[in-house]
Amino acid sequence: MSADTRFACAYEAAILYARAVVACSGYRPRGEGHHRTTLIALVLAMGEDFLPVARSLDRARKRRNVIAYERPDVASEADAQGIHTQVTDLRARVERWIWRNHPDLI
């Protein structure tokens, strides 16, 4: 898989984790801009400590859009590895948050 594909797949995983938090909080962003709205709602649900994560994922969102809609060869190997590491951390934090705040949804 290319670095672009790995980057885009990792970004999509991050959005799924963010959507899980948002859904547990009773919301469902839809329509144009729903990825951006999901990242804003992630911070609202999980707290200000998640602002750096959301900002980083918003930058990844923009890069993923370029990959998906404009041109290839946007992400480097380091970019793909970096977002993979970030998503792995996000998964663990989201799982802990759901266990603490919504154990009935596990």
Protein backbone atom coordinates (compact mmCIF):
# COMPACT_ATOMS: atom_id res chain seq x y z
CA MET A 1 0.00 0.00 0.00
CA SER A 2 1.19 3.50 -0.73
CA ALA A 3 1.89 6.00 2.02
CA ASP A 4 -1.13 7.98 0.78
CA THR A 5 -3.43 4.98 1.16
CA ARG A 6 -2.09 4.10 4.61
CA PHE A 7 -2.46 7.73 5.68
CA ALA A 8 -6.04 7.94 4.38
CA CYS A 9 -7.01 4.62 6.01
CA ALA A 10 -5.57 5.69 9.36
CA TYR A 11 -7.41 9.00 9.12
CA GLU A 12 -10.69 7.16 8.41
CA ALA A 13 -10.08 4.99 11.50
CA ALA A 14 -9.56 8.14 13.57
CA ILE A 15 -12.86 9.55 12.34
CA LEU A 16 -14.61 6.30 13.27
CA TYR A 17 -13.23 6.51 16.82
CA ALA A 18 -14.27 10.16 17.04
CA ARG A 19 -17.74 9.27 15.76
CA ALA A 20 -18.03 6.61 18.46
CA VAL A 21 -17.44 9.24 21.14
CA VAL A 22 -19.86 11.66 19.52
CA ALA A 23 -22.52 8.94 19.15
CA CYS A 24 -22.11 7.89 22.78
CA SER A 25 -22.73 11.53 23.66
CA GLY A 26 -26.01 11.43 21.74
CA TYR A 27 -25.04 13.25 18.56
CA ARG A 28 -24.67 12.35 14.89
CA PRO A 29 -22.97 14.92 12.64
CA ARG A 30 -24.23 14.73 9.06
CA GLY A 31 -23.95 16.47 5.75
CA GLU A 32 -21.24 18.62 4.31
CA GLY A 33 -18.41 19.18 6.75
CA HIS A 34 -19.37 16.26 8.99
CA HIS A 35 -15.74 15.22 9.53
CA ARG A 36 -14.86 18.69 10.79
CA THR A 37 -18.00 18.82 12.93
CA THR A 38 -17.12 15.40 14.37
CA LEU A 39 -13.70 16.67 15.43
CA ILE A 40 -15.23 19.72 17.11
CA ALA A 41 -17.74 17.50 18.91
CA LEU A 42 -14.91 15.17 20.00
CA VAL A 43 -13.39 18.02 22.01
CA LEU A 44 -16.77 18.99 23.45
CA ALA A 45 -17.39 15.41 24.57
CA MET A 46 -13.92 14.46 25.82
CA GLY A 47 -12.72 17.82 27.07
CA GLU A 48 -10.20 20.52 26.24
CA ASP A 49 -7.34 18.04 26.68
CA PHE A 50 -8.40 16.69 23.29
CA LEU A 51 -7.98 20.00 21.48
CA PRO A 52 -4.42 19.18 20.27
CA VAL A 53 -5.66 15.79 19.01
CA ALA A 54 -8.57 17.40 17.17
CA ARG A 55 -6.30 20.04 15.64
CA SER A 56 -3.86 17.41 14.45
CA LEU A 57 -6.68 15.33 12.99
CA ASP A 58 -8.10 18.42 11.29
CA ARG A 59 -4.74 18.94 9.56
CA ALA A 60 -4.85 15.26 8.59
CA ARG A 61 -8.40 15.77 7.29
CA LYS A 62 -7.19 18.49 4.95
CA ARG A 63 -4.31 16.34 3.73
CA ARG A 64 -6.62 13.36 3.26
CA ASN A 65 -8.93 15.55 1.17
CA VAL A 66 -6.03 16.43 -1.12
CA ILE A 67 -5.17 12.73 -1.43
CA ALA A 68 -8.77 11.75 -2.14
CA TYR A 69 -9.83 14.58 -4.42
CA GLU A 70 -6.83 16.34 -5.95
CA ARG A 71 -3.56 14.47 -6.41
CA PRO A 72 -1.45 11.51 -5.26
CA ASP A 73 1.92 11.44 -3.49
CA VAL A 74 0.90 13.79 -0.70
CA ALA A 75 1.81 11.70 2.35
CA SER A 76 5.31 10.50 3.15
CA GLU A 77 6.18 7.29 4.93
CA ALA A 78 6.76 9.34 8.09
CA ASP A 79 3.31 10.95 7.71
CA ALA A 80 1.66 7.56 7.38
CA GLN A 81 3.51 6.17 10.40
CA GLY A 82 2.80 9.30 12.43
CA ILE A 83 -0.95 9.19 11.95
CA HIS A 84 -0.95 5.44 12.57
CA THR A 85 0.71 6.03 15.94
CA GLN A 86 -1.75 8.83 16.72
CA VAL A 87 -4.74 6.63 15.85
CA THR A 88 -3.44 3.81 18.03
CA ASP A 89 -3.26 6.24 20.96
CA LEU A 90 -6.69 7.68 20.12
CA ARG A 91 -8.21 4.20 20.13
CA ALA A 92 -6.93 3.50 23.63
CA ARG A 93 -8.13 6.87 24.94
CA VAL A 94 -11.56 6.49 23.34
CA GLU A 95 -11.98 2.98 24.75
CA ARG A 96 -11.09 4.21 28.26
CA TRP A 97 -13.47 7.14 27.89
CA ILE A 98 -16.35 4.91 26.81
CA TRP A 99 -15.69 2.47 29.67
CA ARG A 100 -15.69 5.34 32.19
CA ASN A 101 -18.54 7.40 30.80
CA HIS A 102 -20.83 4.95 28.99
CA PRO A 103 -20.14 1.41 30.27
CA ASP A 104 -23.72 0.48 29.32
CA LEU A 105 -22.75 0.92 25.66
CA ILE A 106 -19.83 -1.51 25.71
